[in-house]
Amino acid sequence: LLGRHVAKAYGARSPWFEWCRVGTSLVAAAPHPSGISHFWNDPANVRRARRFWRALALRSKGRN
């Protein structure tokens, strides 16, 4: 999981919270959680982020 600028430095060009293959790795960019990004002002974006984090947590527990 990377910030957008770091993801771009590695060649990832995907929207927030979407997995992108870079070489042999999967990366996803996420906006800064401090709220410095205006992304968090939109409730639809917050719901999208929540779905991504929940799916990631379930996957890490082996519950695809």
C-alpha atoms as a PDB file:
ATOM      1  CA  LEU A   1       0.000   0.000   0.000  1.00  0.00           C
ATOM      2  CA  LEU A   2       1.467   3.282  -1.115  1.00  0.00           C
ATOM      3  CA  GLY A   3       0.699   6.946  -1.410  1.00  0.00           C
ATOM      4  CA  ARG A   4      -0.032   8.185  -4.910  1.00  0.00           C
ATOM      5  CA  HIS A   5       3.373   9.811  -5.524  1.00  0.00           C
ATOM      6  CA  VAL A   6       5.305   6.737  -4.421  1.00  0.00           C
ATOM      7  CA  ALA A   7       3.011   4.482  -6.458  1.00  0.00           C
ATOM      8  CA  LYS A   8       3.663   6.633  -9.545  1.00  0.00           C
ATOM      9  CA  ALA A   9       7.404   6.482  -8.906  1.00  0.00           C
ATOM     10  CA  TYR A  10       7.143   2.696  -9.182  1.00  0.00           C
ATOM     11  CA  GLY A  11       5.038   2.891 -12.328  1.00  0.00           C
ATOM     12  CA  ALA A  12       1.583   2.277 -10.814  1.00  0.00           C
ATOM     13  CA  ARG A  13      -1.111   4.357 -12.462  1.00  0.00           C
ATOM     14  CA  SER A  14      -4.378   3.208 -10.932  1.00  0.00           C
ATOM     15  CA  PRO A  15      -7.131   5.053  -9.063  1.00  0.00           C
ATOM     16  CA  TRP A  16      -7.309   5.035  -5.287  1.00  0.00           C
ATOM     17  CA  PHE A  17      -7.899   1.615  -3.724  1.00  0.00           C
ATOM     18  CA  GLU A  18      -7.443  -0.415  -6.902  1.00  0.00           C
ATOM     19  CA  TRP A  19      -4.778  -3.079  -7.156  1.00  0.00           C
ATOM     20  CA  CYS A  20      -2.192  -2.632  -9.880  1.00  0.00           C
ATOM     21  CA  ARG A  21       0.581  -5.026 -10.878  1.00  0.00           C
ATOM     22  CA  VAL A  22       4.074  -3.523 -10.850  1.00  0.00           C
ATOM     23  CA  GLY A  23       6.589  -6.132 -11.881  1.00  0.00           C
ATOM     24  CA  THR A  24       5.810  -9.139  -9.701  1.00  0.00           C
ATOM     25  CA  SER A  25       4.083  -7.139  -6.962  1.00  0.00           C
ATOM     26  CA  LEU A  26       0.558  -5.881  -6.437  1.00  0.00           C
ATOM     27  CA  VAL A  27       0.255  -2.333  -5.156  1.00  0.00           C
ATOM     28  CA  ALA A  28      -2.643  -0.072  -4.285  1.00  0.00           C
ATOM     29  CA  ALA A  29      -2.521   3.655  -3.664  1.00  0.00           C
ATOM     30  CA  ALA A  30      -4.407   5.159  -0.733  1.00  0.00           C
ATOM     31  CA  PRO A  31      -4.965   8.819   0.160  1.00  0.00           C
ATOM     32  CA  HIS A  32      -3.289  10.112   3.292  1.00  0.00           C
ATOM     33  CA  PRO A  33      -5.454   9.224   6.312  1.00  0.00           C
ATOM     34  CA  SER A  34      -4.906  12.590   8.004  1.00  0.00           C
ATOM     35  CA  GLY A  35      -7.543  14.172   5.819  1.00  0.00           C
ATOM     36  CA  ILE A  36      -5.029  16.354   3.967  1.00  0.00           C
ATOM     37  CA  SER A  37      -6.586  14.903   0.815  1.00  0.00           C
ATOM     38  CA  HIS A  38     -10.063  16.164  -0.060  1.00  0.00           C
ATOM     39  CA  PHE A  39     -10.914  12.561  -0.948  1.00  0.00           C
ATOM     40  CA  TRP A  40     -12.238  12.067   2.582  1.00  0.00           C
ATOM     41  CA  ASN A  41     -14.807  14.883   2.253  1.00  0.00           C
ATOM     42  CA  ASP A  42     -17.052  12.756   0.043  1.00  0.00           C
ATOM     43  CA  PRO A  43     -19.113  10.097   1.874  1.00  0.00           C
ATOM     44  CA  ALA A  44     -19.068   7.888  -1.248  1.00  0.00           C
ATOM     45  CA  ASN A  45     -15.264   7.860  -1.132  1.00  0.00           C
ATOM     46  CA  VAL A  46     -15.318   6.940   2.544  1.00  0.00           C
ATOM     47  CA  ARG A  47     -17.646   4.005   1.763  1.00  0.00           C
ATOM     48  CA  ARG A  48     -15.343   2.912  -1.067  1.00  0.00           C
ATOM     49  CA  ALA A  49     -12.323   3.029   1.231  1.00  0.00           C
ATOM     50  CA  ARG A  50     -14.206   1.088   3.921  1.00  0.00           C
ATOM     51  CA  ARG A  51     -15.078  -1.683   1.440  1.00  0.00           C
ATOM     52  CA  PHE A  52     -11.443  -1.893   0.307  1.00  0.00           C
ATOM     53  CA  TRP A  53     -10.038  -2.099   3.859  1.00  0.00           C
ATOM     54  CA  ARG A  54     -12.631  -4.676   4.934  1.00  0.00           C
ATOM     55  CA  ALA A  55     -11.937  -6.862   1.902  1.00  0.00           C
ATOM     56  CA  LEU A  56      -8.210  -6.603   2.573  1.00  0.00           C
ATOM     57  CA  ALA A  57      -8.688  -7.543   6.234  1.00  0.00           C
ATOM     58  CA  LEU A  58     -10.851 -10.544   5.326  1.00  0.00           C
ATOM     59  CA  ARG A  59      -8.359 -11.666   2.685  1.00  0.00           C
ATOM     60  CA  SER A  60      -5.506 -11.452   5.174  1.00  0.00           C
ATOM     61  CA  LYS A  61      -7.498 -13.716   7.516  1.00  0.00           C
ATOM     62  CA  GLY A  62      -8.065 -16.194   4.692  1.00  0.00           C
ATOM     63  CA  ARG A  63     -11.771 -15.402   4.238  1.00  0.00           C
ATOM     64  CA  ASN A  64     -11.931 -14.360   0.593  1.00  0.00           C
END
